[in-house]
Amino acid sequence: MSIFSRISMGGLTTAAAFVACAIAAAQTLEAPVDPGAPTEFEAPMEPEAQVDPAAPPVDPAAPPLEPDATVAPAAPAAPQRITNPVAEFAGIDKITGRIITFDVYIDETVQFGALQVTPRICYSQPQTEEPKTDSFVEVDEITLDRKIRRIFTGWMFAESPGLNAVEHAVYDVWLKGCKQKSEVPAPDAAKTN
């Protein structure tokens, strides 16, 4: 039995339903309304089922049988994002031309030149998925008169570093990735030593 016949066994097929709707629409435009006829808002009645004499008798108290139709596979679930404890950044000092890579733990503040970088969350995808790494970051600038001024709050994306990188007059900072571990000791471990 083909897939089409399995789908159409329970009632009208899509094509038949379309034709029935078109005929009903044409009849309502031309014919007067019969008070006993079903309106266009009522569901069509199922046709009488043909009884197969070779089929075993059906017990009315038994639960209904499932149709012999294949169920379409469910849409794949969205991959779960991984929350990482460490964000990896890169920064450039435009005066010296040095590019420095540094790790920052979540909710830790690290100073890079005149900038203070604080990641609040760092997400990545599992290894089996397409890479997508993003972090919510706050960046403050220490001004010449020793005041702290917020210059950036938002999401940085490792796959598109130019999209939301912090561009400062002297220092630029962008997200390189997220990590589960770092060679840099955690802030709590540094305080106990």
Protein backbone atom coordinates (compact mmCIF):
# COMPACT_ATOMS: atom_id res chain seq x y z
CA MET A 1 0.00 0.00 0.00
CA SER A 2 1.44 3.39 -0.87
CA ILE A 3 1.97 6.31 1.52
CA PHE A 4 -0.73 8.28 -0.28
CA SER A 5 -3.30 5.56 0.33
CA ARG A 6 -2.39 5.37 4.02
CA ILE A 7 -2.86 9.10 4.40
CA SER A 8 -6.16 9.10 2.55
CA MET A 9 -7.75 6.09 4.30
CA GLY A 10 -9.19 8.06 7.22
CA GLY A 11 -11.29 10.44 5.17
CA LEU A 12 -10.95 12.87 2.34
CA THR A 13 -7.60 13.39 0.72
CA THR A 14 -6.21 16.88 0.40
CA ALA A 15 -7.07 17.03 -3.29
CA ALA A 16 -10.59 15.72 -2.68
CA ALA A 17 -11.08 18.21 0.16
CA PHE A 18 -9.95 21.03 -2.12
CA VAL A 19 -12.38 19.95 -4.83
CA ALA A 20 -15.20 19.58 -2.29
CA CYS A 21 -14.54 23.09 -0.97
CA ALA A 22 -14.48 24.52 -4.48
CA ILE A 23 -17.77 22.82 -5.35
CA ALA A 24 -19.36 23.97 -2.09
CA ALA A 25 -18.20 27.53 -2.72
CA ALA A 26 -19.64 27.46 -6.23
CA GLN A 27 -22.95 26.04 -4.95
CA THR A 28 -23.29 28.70 -2.24
CA LEU A 29 -22.91 31.41 -4.84
CA GLU A 30 -25.53 29.89 -7.15
CA ALA A 31 -27.96 27.81 -5.07
CA PRO A 32 -30.37 28.98 -2.38
CA VAL A 33 -29.56 27.97 1.18
CA ASP A 34 -31.22 24.79 2.41
CA PRO A 35 -31.94 25.12 6.16
CA GLY A 36 -31.20 21.42 6.79
CA ALA A 37 -27.91 21.40 4.86
CA PRO A 38 -24.61 21.72 6.71
CA THR A 39 -23.04 25.17 6.56
CA GLU A 40 -19.53 25.84 5.36
CA PHE A 41 -18.39 26.12 8.98
CA GLU A 42 -19.44 22.58 9.93
CA ALA A 43 -16.98 19.72 9.53
CA PRO A 44 -17.79 17.24 6.76
CA MET A 45 -19.14 13.92 7.95
CA GLU A 46 -17.02 10.81 7.58
CA PRO A 47 -18.27 8.42 4.87
CA GLU A 48 -19.64 5.10 6.09
CA ALA A 49 -16.85 2.59 6.55
CA GLN A 50 -16.94 -0.51 4.40
CA VAL A 51 -17.11 -3.68 6.48
CA ASP A 52 -14.65 -6.34 5.38
CA PRO A 53 -16.35 -9.75 5.79
CA ALA A 54 -12.96 -11.44 6.30
CA ALA A 55 -11.99 -9.08 9.16
CA PRO A 56 -12.40 -10.32 12.76
CA PRO A 57 -15.29 -8.82 14.75
CA VAL A 58 -14.52 -5.62 16.68
CA ASP A 59 -15.08 -5.51 20.43
CA PRO A 60 -16.77 -2.16 21.25
CA ALA A 61 -15.18 -2.12 24.74
CA ALA A 62 -11.65 -2.47 23.34
CA PRO A 63 -9.52 0.66 22.92
CA PRO A 64 -9.41 1.99 19.36
CA LEU A 65 -6.62 0.71 17.17
CA GLU A 66 -3.97 3.05 15.86
CA PRO A 67 -4.05 3.55 12.08
CA ASP A 68 -1.38 1.84 10.06
CA ALA A 69 0.23 5.12 9.04
CA THR A 70 3.82 6.05 9.51
CA VAL A 71 4.31 9.04 11.71
CA ALA A 72 6.46 11.82 10.34
CA PRO A 73 9.67 12.17 12.33
CA ALA A 74 9.62 14.97 14.86
CA ALA A 75 11.65 18.06 14.10
CA PRO A 76 15.12 17.80 15.58
CA ALA A 77 15.37 19.49 18.94
CA ALA A 78 17.45 22.61 19.09
CA PRO A 79 20.89 21.79 20.42
CA GLN A 80 21.41 22.76 24.01
CA ARG A 81 23.83 25.63 24.53
CA ILE A 82 26.78 24.96 26.79
CA THR A 83 27.42 27.46 29.58
CA ASN A 84 31.17 27.92 30.03
CA PRO A 85 33.01 29.27 33.08
CA VAL A 86 35.76 31.00 31.08
CA ALA A 87 35.67 33.50 28.21
CA GLU A 88 38.72 33.90 26.00
CA PHE A 89 39.38 37.37 24.62
CA ALA A 90 41.94 38.92 22.32
CA GLY A 91 43.03 42.51 22.52
CA ILE A 92 45.27 44.76 20.52
CA ASP A 93 47.34 47.65 21.79
CA LYS A 94 47.30 50.01 18.80
CA ILE A 95 50.39 51.91 19.98
CA THR A 96 52.70 48.88 20.20
CA GLY A 97 50.78 46.67 17.74
CA ARG A 98 50.81 43.75 20.20
CA ILE A 99 47.92 41.31 20.17
CA ILE A 100 47.32 39.62 23.50
CA THR A 101 45.03 36.67 24.25
CA PHE A 102 43.68 36.47 27.80
CA ASP A 103 41.18 34.33 29.72
CA VAL A 104 38.56 35.84 32.02
CA TYR A 105 36.32 33.86 34.37
CA ILE A 106 32.60 34.68 34.37
CA ASP A 107 31.81 37.69 36.60
CA GLU A 108 35.54 38.40 37.02
CA THR A 109 36.96 41.75 35.92
CA VAL A 110 40.31 41.83 34.14
CA GLN A 111 42.12 45.00 33.14
CA PHE A 112 43.59 45.26 29.65
CA GLY A 113 45.34 48.59 29.26
CA ALA A 114 42.79 51.25 30.20
CA LEU A 115 39.88 48.83 29.75
CA GLN A 116 38.20 46.60 32.32
CA VAL A 117 36.54 43.54 30.77
CA THR A 118 33.82 41.60 32.64
CA PRO A 119 32.03 38.68 30.95
CA ARG A 120 28.65 37.84 32.50
CA ILE A 121 27.89 34.63 30.54
CA CYS A 122 29.64 32.66 27.80
CA TYR A 123 27.72 30.19 25.61
CA SER A 124 28.95 27.73 23.02
CA GLN A 125 27.49 24.86 20.99
CA PRO A 126 28.36 21.15 21.32
CA GLN A 127 31.20 19.85 19.14
CA THR A 128 28.69 18.08 16.86
CA GLU A 129 26.92 21.36 15.96
CA GLU A 130 27.91 24.34 13.88
CA PRO A 131 30.10 26.67 15.98
CA LYS A 132 28.24 29.51 17.62
CA THR A 133 29.97 31.16 20.55
CA ASP A 134 28.68 34.28 22.23
CA SER A 135 29.23 36.12 25.47
CA PHE A 136 27.49 38.98 27.25
CA VAL A 137 30.25 41.40 28.18
CA GLU A 138 30.62 44.69 30.01
CA VAL A 139 33.63 46.88 29.23
CA ASP A 140 34.59 49.94 31.26
CA GLU A 141 37.25 52.53 30.52
CA ILE A 142 39.43 54.08 33.18
CA THR A 143 39.73 57.75 32.19
CA LEU A 144 42.78 59.95 32.80
CA ASP A 145 41.12 61.49 35.87
CA ARG A 146 40.68 57.96 37.39
CA LYS A 147 36.94 57.69 36.75
CA ILE A 148 35.36 54.53 35.43
CA ARG A 149 33.07 54.97 32.44
CA ARG A 150 31.05 52.18 30.81
CA ILE A 151 31.81 52.08 27.07
CA PHE A 152 30.23 48.75 26.09
CA THR A 153 27.49 46.44 27.33
CA GLY A 154 26.25 43.73 25.00
CA TRP A 155 26.83 40.46 23.20
CA MET A 156 30.11 39.59 21.48
CA PHE A 157 30.24 36.80 18.89
CA ALA A 158 33.41 34.77 18.35
CA GLU A 159 32.45 33.81 14.78
CA SER A 160 31.91 37.50 13.87
CA PRO A 161 34.51 39.39 15.89
CA GLY A 162 34.03 42.63 14.00
CA LEU A 163 30.30 42.69 14.70
CA ASN A 164 30.46 43.80 18.34
CA ALA A 165 34.13 44.23 19.13
CA VAL A 166 35.07 47.08 21.43
CA GLU A 167 36.92 49.69 19.41
CA HIS A 168 38.75 52.13 21.68
CA ALA A 169 41.17 54.87 20.69
CA VAL A 170 44.13 52.80 21.93
CA TYR A 171 42.77 49.30 22.73
CA ASP A 172 40.43 46.96 20.88
CA VAL A 173 38.94 43.84 22.52
CA TRP A 174 36.97 40.98 20.95
CA LEU A 175 35.75 37.51 21.94
CA LYS A 176 37.78 34.54 20.70
CA GLY A 177 35.87 31.73 22.35
CA CYS A 178 34.57 30.06 25.49
CA LYS A 179 36.37 27.44 27.56
CA GLN A 180 35.58 24.92 30.26
CA LYS A 181 39.08 25.22 31.81
CA SER A 182 41.88 27.74 31.88
CA GLU A 183 45.53 27.71 32.91
CA VAL A 184 44.84 30.93 34.79
CA PRO A 185 43.77 30.17 38.37
CA ALA A 186 40.17 30.90 39.24
CA PRO A 187 39.52 34.09 41.27
CA ASP A 188 38.53 32.05 44.38
CA ALA A 189 41.69 29.92 44.15
CA ALA A 190 43.87 33.03 43.86
CA LYS A 191 42.38 34.47 47.09
CA THR A 192 43.06 31.30 49.13
CA ASN A 193 46.77 31.13 48.13
